[in-house]
């Protein structure tokens, strides 16, 4: 039997002890000296000690400073990646994409180095200071690309097939077009003669098309500089993700709810921010591509005609690669346009870019 005068501990001491240690038990002492722990009914609205510490930290001044520091660090990293890719990492990019022959870099031929490139620079009215640190090289990539900024360090990678002037020069049977290790050539026995001929024709450009390709990359490096837009967009996306998740936690009181609800909040806001970043990045890329094509096509009718030919040739070789590459059907359609996923379209359609050049050519020749 319980002792009536000393069986229970003092109520005030027990309450203080349970509140201090967040316990849900009380002790009862029997006459024989034994004690029994009795579990108290848990309040469903009562928070654990760990949850209280979590809430106190993130709602404190130090917690707010820490979250802001994480946000600013993430914004800086997201903004620095495209800038570093166009400055500090340029030597590494060239080493990765440099075309080699016998273990040595393949140099530009005389026609491109002494005639074609200086002619394009003169048409664009570029000064010697603008191109002082510009490096043009033959790359292993399938299309022309550029990184950097004129007036500073800059690269232009011309595809390895750029010097070809006749379809007979193109060694189609020896080629292996790779795009991020996704493209693998089929056995030569499966290659159709018609697809080989179309590929060889698509890899052979006339002079005006080559000048258009070089001018397009120079204009991108000198006038548009898309890396700054991409850097700002990356930083903005991280900031919006932070603000959206913080606002949801504050307005909905998720700090006091189950951890799963906060994780759900973070997952939703992160995915929405990524969707915003990639779709807006693709939109800016497509918009910039159209502006660059229009700028180059307005230089002269020769460049406008070269743009029309260049995109016709690109669509021609893409349609040929659709048949020559093992998974080409998933990369290109029958017209030579790239096939994209449901939510993203990275590049402007080649037919739209061709129409921009055609419109500029018609406007210049009709006047």
Protein backbone atom coordinates (compact mmCIF):
# COMPACT_ATOMS: atom_id res chain seq x y z
CA UNK A 1 0.00 0.00 0.00
CA UNK A 2 1.05 3.54 -0.65
CA UNK A 3 2.12 5.56 2.37
CA UNK A 4 -0.28 8.42 2.92
CA UNK A 5 2.33 10.89 4.21
CA UNK A 6 5.48 10.13 2.18
CA UNK A 7 4.56 7.85 -0.70
CA UNK A 8 4.69 10.54 -3.37
CA UNK A 9 7.46 12.99 -3.96
CA UNK A 10 6.60 16.60 -3.41
CA UNK A 11 4.38 17.76 -6.27
CA UNK A 12 6.22 21.05 -6.76
CA UNK A 13 9.59 19.33 -7.01
CA UNK A 14 8.26 16.72 -9.43
CA UNK A 15 6.73 19.37 -11.70
CA UNK A 16 9.92 21.40 -11.75
CA UNK A 17 11.96 18.29 -12.45
CA UNK A 18 9.68 17.16 -15.33
CA UNK A 19 9.60 20.63 -16.88
CA UNK A 20 13.36 21.00 -16.66
CA UNK A 21 14.13 17.62 -18.22
CA UNK A 22 11.02 17.26 -20.46
CA UNK A 23 10.15 13.97 -18.68
CA UNK A 24 6.80 12.20 -18.97
CA UNK A 25 7.20 10.02 -15.88
CA UNK A 26 6.62 10.29 -12.12
CA UNK A 27 7.90 8.10 -9.29
CA UNK A 28 5.79 6.35 -6.61
CA UNK A 29 7.43 4.87 -3.50
CA UNK A 30 5.92 1.89 -1.66
CA UNK A 31 6.23 0.86 1.99
CA UNK A 32 8.77 -1.81 1.21
CA UNK A 33 11.11 0.80 -0.26
CA UNK A 34 10.52 -0.07 -3.92
CA UNK A 35 9.77 2.63 -6.47
CA UNK A 36 7.66 2.45 -9.60
CA UNK A 37 7.79 4.82 -12.56
CA UNK A 38 4.40 5.90 -13.80
CA UNK A 39 4.15 7.26 -17.38
CA UNK A 40 2.17 10.46 -17.57
CA UNK A 41 -0.19 11.19 -20.45
CA UNK A 42 1.77 13.11 -23.15
CA UNK A 43 0.37 16.38 -24.35
CA UNK A 44 0.01 16.12 -28.16
CA UNK A 45 0.95 19.80 -28.49
CA UNK A 46 4.08 19.43 -26.37
CA UNK A 47 7.42 19.75 -28.24
CA UNK A 48 10.49 17.67 -27.57
CA UNK A 49 13.61 19.23 -26.18
CA UNK A 50 15.38 18.77 -29.54
CA UNK A 51 12.57 20.55 -31.40
CA UNK A 52 12.66 23.44 -28.95
CA UNK A 53 16.41 23.83 -29.43
CA UNK A 54 15.94 23.73 -33.20
CA UNK A 55 13.27 26.44 -33.12
CA UNK A 56 15.19 28.61 -30.68
CA UNK A 57 18.32 28.50 -32.85
CA UNK A 58 16.73 29.32 -36.19
CA UNK A 59 14.56 32.07 -34.73
CA UNK A 60 17.45 33.61 -32.83
CA UNK A 61 19.78 36.31 -34.13
CA UNK A 62 22.60 33.82 -34.62
CA UNK A 63 20.32 31.45 -36.51
CA UNK A 64 19.15 34.21 -38.84
CA UNK A 65 22.74 35.30 -39.46
CA UNK A 66 23.75 31.70 -40.19
CA UNK A 67 20.90 31.13 -42.67
CA UNK A 68 21.68 34.40 -44.42
CA UNK A 69 25.35 33.41 -44.63
CA UNK A 70 24.39 30.10 -46.23
CA UNK A 71 22.12 31.91 -48.68
CA UNK A 72 24.79 34.45 -49.69
CA UNK A 73 27.39 31.70 -50.06
CA UNK A 74 25.08 29.71 -52.31
CA UNK A 75 24.28 32.81 -54.38
CA UNK A 76 27.96 33.61 -54.81
CA UNK A 77 28.78 30.05 -55.88
CA UNK A 78 25.89 29.96 -58.37
CA UNK A 79 26.98 33.31 -59.81
CA UNK A 80 30.67 32.45 -59.90
CA UNK A 81 30.34 29.23 -61.91
CA UNK A 82 29.54 30.83 -65.32
CA UNK A 83 32.05 33.61 -64.69
CA UNK A 84 34.85 31.18 -63.85
CA UNK A 85 33.98 29.09 -66.89
CA UNK A 86 34.62 32.16 -69.04
CA UNK A 87 37.78 33.33 -67.29
CA UNK A 88 39.81 31.13 -64.95
CA UNK A 89 38.86 27.81 -66.55
CA UNK A 90 39.60 28.85 -70.16
CA UNK A 91 43.00 27.06 -70.33
CA UNK A 92 41.39 23.86 -69.07
CA UNK A 93 38.55 24.12 -71.59
CA UNK A 94 41.04 24.49 -74.41
CA UNK A 95 43.05 21.49 -73.18
CA UNK A 96 39.90 19.37 -73.06
CA UNK A 97 38.57 20.26 -76.52
CA UNK A 98 41.85 20.81 -78.40
CA UNK A 99 42.10 18.59 -81.46
CA UNK A 100 45.29 16.53 -81.42
CA UNK A 101 47.17 14.68 -84.13
CA UNK A 102 49.96 12.41 -83.09
CA UNK A 103 49.74 13.84 -79.59
CA UNK A 104 50.26 17.44 -80.75
CA UNK A 105 47.68 20.25 -81.17
CA UNK A 106 46.41 20.76 -84.71
CA UNK A 107 47.12 24.32 -85.85
CA UNK A 108 44.88 26.50 -87.97
CA UNK A 109 45.55 26.34 -91.68
CA UNK A 110 46.82 29.40 -93.50
CA UNK A 111 43.51 30.24 -95.19
CA UNK A 112 41.65 30.51 -91.90
CA UNK A 113 44.47 32.18 -89.95
CA UNK A 114 45.70 34.69 -92.53
CA UNK A 115 42.66 35.42 -94.67
CA UNK A 116 39.33 34.40 -93.19
CA UNK A 117 39.71 35.51 -89.55
CA UNK A 118 41.32 38.92 -90.34
CA UNK A 119 38.60 39.61 -92.92
CA UNK A 120 35.83 38.92 -90.38
CA UNK A 121 37.55 41.06 -87.73
CA UNK A 122 37.83 43.91 -90.22
CA UNK A 123 34.13 43.64 -91.12
CA UNK A 124 33.23 43.79 -87.42
CA UNK A 125 35.61 46.75 -86.92
CA UNK A 126 37.46 45.08 -84.07
CA UNK A 127 40.64 46.69 -82.80
CA UNK A 128 43.91 44.92 -82.13
CA UNK A 129 43.30 45.41 -78.37
CA UNK A 130 40.00 43.53 -78.63
CA UNK A 131 41.57 40.41 -80.09
CA UNK A 132 44.99 40.60 -78.43
CA UNK A 133 44.24 37.67 -76.10
CA UNK A 134 41.86 35.81 -78.41
CA UNK A 135 42.82 32.20 -79.17
CA UNK A 136 41.19 30.32 -82.06
CA UNK A 137 41.80 26.59 -82.31
CA UNK A 138 40.44 23.42 -83.87
CA UNK A 139 38.29 21.52 -81.37
CA UNK A 140 36.86 18.03 -81.16
CA UNK A 141 33.37 19.46 -80.70
CA UNK A 142 30.83 19.04 -83.48
CA UNK A 143 29.86 22.75 -83.66
CA UNK A 144 31.61 26.12 -83.21
CA UNK A 145 31.64 27.50 -79.65
CA UNK A 146 33.20 30.36 -77.70
CA UNK A 147 34.06 31.24 -74.12
CA UNK A 148 35.45 34.35 -72.47
CA UNK A 149 35.25 38.00 -73.41
CA UNK A 150 36.90 40.16 -76.06
CA UNK A 151 39.40 42.57 -74.57
CA UNK A 152 40.30 39.89 -72.05
CA UNK A 153 40.93 36.15 -72.31
CA UNK A 154 38.73 34.51 -74.96
CA UNK A 155 38.49 31.26 -76.90
CA UNK A 156 36.82 30.25 -80.15
CA UNK A 157 36.71 26.56 -80.92
CA UNK A 158 36.20 25.72 -84.58
CA UNK A 159 35.04 22.15 -85.29
CA UNK A 160 37.56 19.74 -86.72
CA UNK A 161 35.66 19.59 -90.04
CA UNK A 162 35.92 23.36 -90.61
CA UNK A 163 38.82 23.17 -93.15
CA UNK A 164 36.97 20.79 -95.50
CA UNK A 165 36.17 22.36 -98.87
CA UNK A 166 34.94 19.31 -100.80
CA UNK A 167 32.70 16.43 -99.69
CA UNK A 168 35.31 14.00 -101.01
CA UNK A 169 37.72 15.22 -98.31
CA UNK A 170 35.42 14.14 -95.48
CA UNK A 171 36.45 10.75 -93.99
CA UNK A 172 32.93 9.81 -92.91
CA UNK A 173 33.70 6.17 -92.19
CA UNK A 174 36.42 7.12 -89.70
CA UNK A 175 34.30 9.63 -87.74
CA UNK A 176 32.72 9.10 -84.34
CA UNK A 177 30.46 11.98 -83.33
CA UNK A 178 30.11 12.08 -79.54
CA UNK A 179 27.86 14.38 -77.57
CA UNK A 180 28.50 13.90 -73.88
CA UNK A 181 29.22 10.19 -74.49
CA UNK A 182 25.59 9.72 -75.59
CA UNK A 183 26.26 9.30 -79.30
CA UNK A 184 27.89 6.16 -80.58
CA UNK A 185 28.30 5.32 -84.25
CA UNK A 186 26.74 2.20 -85.62
CA UNK A 187 28.77 -0.39 -87.48
CA UNK A 188 29.85 0.80 -90.90
CA UNK A 189 27.85 -2.02 -92.47
CA UNK A 190 24.65 -0.32 -91.29
CA UNK A 191 25.51 3.11 -92.65
CA UNK A 192 23.49 4.06 -95.69
CA UNK A 193 25.23 5.58 -98.67
CA UNK A 194 22.68 8.38 -98.82
CA UNK A 195 23.25 9.35 -95.17
CA UNK A 196 27.01 9.35 -95.71
CA UNK A 197 26.65 11.69 -98.65
CA UNK A 198 24.38 14.03 -96.69
CA UNK A 199 26.82 14.10 -93.78
CA UNK A 200 29.76 14.85 -96.06
CA UNK A 201 27.77 17.62 -97.72
CA UNK A 202 26.73 19.07 -94.36
CA UNK A 203 30.34 19.18 -93.16
CA UNK A 204 31.49 21.14 -96.21
CA UNK A 205 30.81 24.88 -95.95
CA UNK A 206 31.39 27.64 -98.50
CA UNK A 207 33.44 30.70 -97.56
CA UNK A 208 30.49 32.92 -96.61
CA UNK A 209 29.08 30.28 -94.23
CA UNK A 210 32.45 29.91 -92.49
CA UNK A 211 32.78 33.67 -92.12
CA UNK A 212 29.27 33.80 -90.63
CA UNK A 213 30.19 31.14 -88.05
CA UNK A 214 33.34 32.99 -86.98
CA UNK A 215 31.54 36.36 -86.85
CA UNK A 216 28.75 34.84 -84.76
CA UNK A 217 31.19 33.74 -82.06
CA UNK A 218 33.08 37.07 -82.13
CA UNK A 219 29.85 39.04 -81.69
CA UNK A 220 28.85 36.79 -78.79
CA UNK A 221 32.21 37.41 -77.09
CA UNK A 222 32.33 41.13 -77.72
CA UNK A 223 28.79 42.50 -77.55
CA UNK A 224 26.45 40.12 -75.72
CA UNK A 225 28.56 38.29 -73.11
CA UNK A 226 25.80 35.90 -71.95
CA UNK A 227 27.81 34.68 -68.94
CA UNK A 228 26.84 37.77 -66.93
CA UNK A 229 23.13 37.13 -67.42
CA UNK A 230 23.60 33.51 -66.42
CA UNK A 231 25.56 34.50 -63.30
CA UNK A 232 22.86 36.96 -62.19
CA UNK A 233 20.13 34.40 -62.83
CA UNK A 234 21.93 31.74 -60.76
CA UNK A 235 22.34 34.07 -57.79
CA UNK A 236 18.74 35.24 -58.06
CA UNK A 237 17.43 31.67 -58.11
CA UNK A 238 19.25 30.76 -54.89
CA UNK A 239 17.97 33.93 -53.19
CA UNK A 240 14.38 33.27 -54.27
CA UNK A 241 14.61 29.66 -53.06
CA UNK A 242 15.78 30.86 -49.64
CA UNK A 243 13.10 33.54 -49.34
CA UNK A 244 10.30 31.23 -50.47
CA UNK A 245 11.18 28.47 -48.00
CA UNK A 246 11.67 30.95 -45.13
CA UNK A 247 8.37 32.70 -45.85
CA UNK A 248 6.53 29.37 -45.90
CA UNK A 249 8.09 28.37 -42.58
CA UNK A 250 7.12 31.70 -40.96
CA UNK A 251 3.62 32.10 -42.39
CA UNK A 252 2.53 28.49 -41.99
CA UNK A 253 4.27 27.95 -38.66
CA UNK A 254 6.26 25.01 -39.99
CA UNK A 255 8.94 25.57 -37.33
CA UNK A 256 6.53 24.05 -34.80
CA UNK A 257 5.26 21.27 -37.06
CA UNK A 258 6.68 17.87 -37.88
CA UNK A 259 10.07 17.72 -39.55
CA UNK A 260 8.52 16.01 -42.59
CA UNK A 261 6.49 19.14 -43.37
CA UNK A 262 9.59 21.31 -43.36
CA UNK A 263 11.41 18.84 -45.60
CA UNK A 264 8.43 18.89 -47.96
CA UNK A 265 8.58 22.67 -48.00
CA UNK A 266 12.28 22.62 -48.87
CA UNK A 267 11.78 20.01 -51.59
CA UNK A 268 8.95 21.96 -53.23
CA UNK A 269 10.71 25.34 -53.14
CA UNK A 270 13.99 23.83 -54.40
CA UNK A 271 12.31 22.14 -57.37
CA UNK A 272 10.36 25.28 -58.25
CA UNK A 273 13.57 27.33 -58.09
CA UNK A 274 15.40 24.85 -60.33
CA UNK A 275 12.50 24.90 -62.79
CA UNK A 276 12.59 28.69 -62.81
CA UNK A 277 16.38 28.78 -63.27
CA UNK A 278 16.66 26.32 -66.15
CA UNK A 279 13.61 27.56 -68.07
CA UNK A 280 14.55 31.22 -67.74
CA UNK A 281 18.16 30.36 -68.63
CA UNK A 282 16.97 28.58 -71.78
CA UNK A 283 14.75 31.55 -72.65
CA UNK A 284 17.67 33.99 -72.32
CA UNK A 285 19.87 31.67 -74.38
CA UNK A 286 17.33 31.45 -77.20
CA UNK A 287 16.74 35.20 -77.13
CA UNK A 288 20.48 35.91 -77.27
CA UNK A 289 20.96 33.47 -80.15
CA UNK A 290 18.33 35.28 -82.20
CA UNK A 291 19.85 38.68 -81.46
CA UNK A 292 23.34 37.49 -82.41
CA UNK A 293 22.11 36.03 -85.71
CA UNK A 294 20.31 39.25 -86.53
CA UNK A 295 23.36 41.35 -85.68
CA UNK A 296 25.71 39.27 -87.86
CA UNK A 297 23.26 38.96 -90.75
CA UNK A 298 22.95 42.76 -90.94
CA UNK A 299 26.68 43.22 -91.59
CA UNK A 300 26.25 42.56 -95.30
CA UNK A 301 24.29 40.35 -97.72
CA UNK A 302 27.28 38.01 -97.78
CA UNK A 303 26.96 37.27 -94.06
CA UNK A 304 23.16 36.96 -94.28
CA UNK A 305 23.51 34.45 -97.11
CA UNK A 306 26.22 32.67 -95.16
CA UNK A 307 23.87 32.33 -92.20
CA UNK A 308 21.17 30.76 -94.36
CA UNK A 309 23.67 28.28 -95.80
CA UNK A 310 25.23 27.53 -92.39
CA UNK A 311 21.91 26.56 -90.77
CA UNK A 312 20.82 24.59 -93.84
CA UNK A 313 24.08 22.65 -93.60
CA UNK A 314 23.67 22.12 -89.86
CA UNK A 315 20.18 20.71 -90.34
CA UNK A 316 21.50 18.52 -93.13
CA UNK A 317 24.27 16.99 -91.04
CA UNK A 318 21.94 16.58 -88.05
CA UNK A 319 19.45 14.64 -90.16
CA UNK A 320 22.30 12.46 -91.41
CA UNK A 321 23.56 11.87 -87.86
CA UNK A 322 20.05 10.77 -86.95
CA UNK A 323 20.60 7.72 -89.14
CA UNK A 324 24.31 7.22 -88.52
CA UNK A 325 24.27 7.38 -84.71
CA UNK A 326 22.97 4.56 -82.56
CA UNK A 327 20.49 6.74 -80.60
CA UNK A 328 20.15 9.45 -83.22
CA UNK A 329 16.34 9.21 -83.31
CA UNK A 330 16.16 10.50 -79.74
CA UNK A 331 18.52 13.43 -80.50
CA UNK A 332 17.30 14.77 -83.86
CA UNK A 333 14.09 14.73 -85.84
CA UNK A 334 13.85 14.11 -89.57
CA UNK A 335 14.30 17.81 -90.34
CA UNK A 336 17.57 17.99 -88.43
CA UNK A 337 16.19 19.86 -85.42
CA UNK A 338 17.28 18.86 -81.93
CA UNK A 339 14.76 16.90 -79.86
CA UNK A 340 14.22 18.32 -76.37
CA UNK A 341 12.54 17.16 -73.19
CA UNK A 342 9.06 18.30 -72.23
CA UNK A 343 10.02 21.18 -69.92
CA UNK A 344 13.20 22.47 -71.60
CA UNK A 345 14.31 23.82 -74.99
CA UNK A 346 17.94 24.89 -74.75
CA UNK A 347 18.46 26.32 -78.23
CA UNK A 348 16.44 28.24 -80.75
CA UNK A 349 15.15 26.10 -83.60
CA UNK A 350 17.57 26.08 -86.52
CA UNK A 351 14.74 26.85 -88.92
CA UNK A 352 13.95 30.02 -86.92
CA UNK A 353 17.59 31.09 -86.97
CA UNK A 354 17.71 30.48 -90.71
CA UNK A 355 14.61 32.61 -91.20
CA UNK A 356 16.26 35.50 -89.33
CA UNK A 357 19.20 35.42 -91.74
CA UNK A 358 16.91 35.01 -94.74
CA UNK A 359 14.84 38.03 -93.70
CA UNK A 360 18.00 40.13 -93.32
CA UNK A 361 19.22 38.99 -96.74
CA UNK A 362 15.89 39.85 -98.39
CA UNK A 363 15.83 43.27 -96.71
CA UNK A 364 19.35 44.13 -97.88
CA UNK A 365 19.01 42.87 -101.44
CA UNK A 366 15.58 44.33 -102.10
CA UNK A 367 16.49 47.88 -101.10
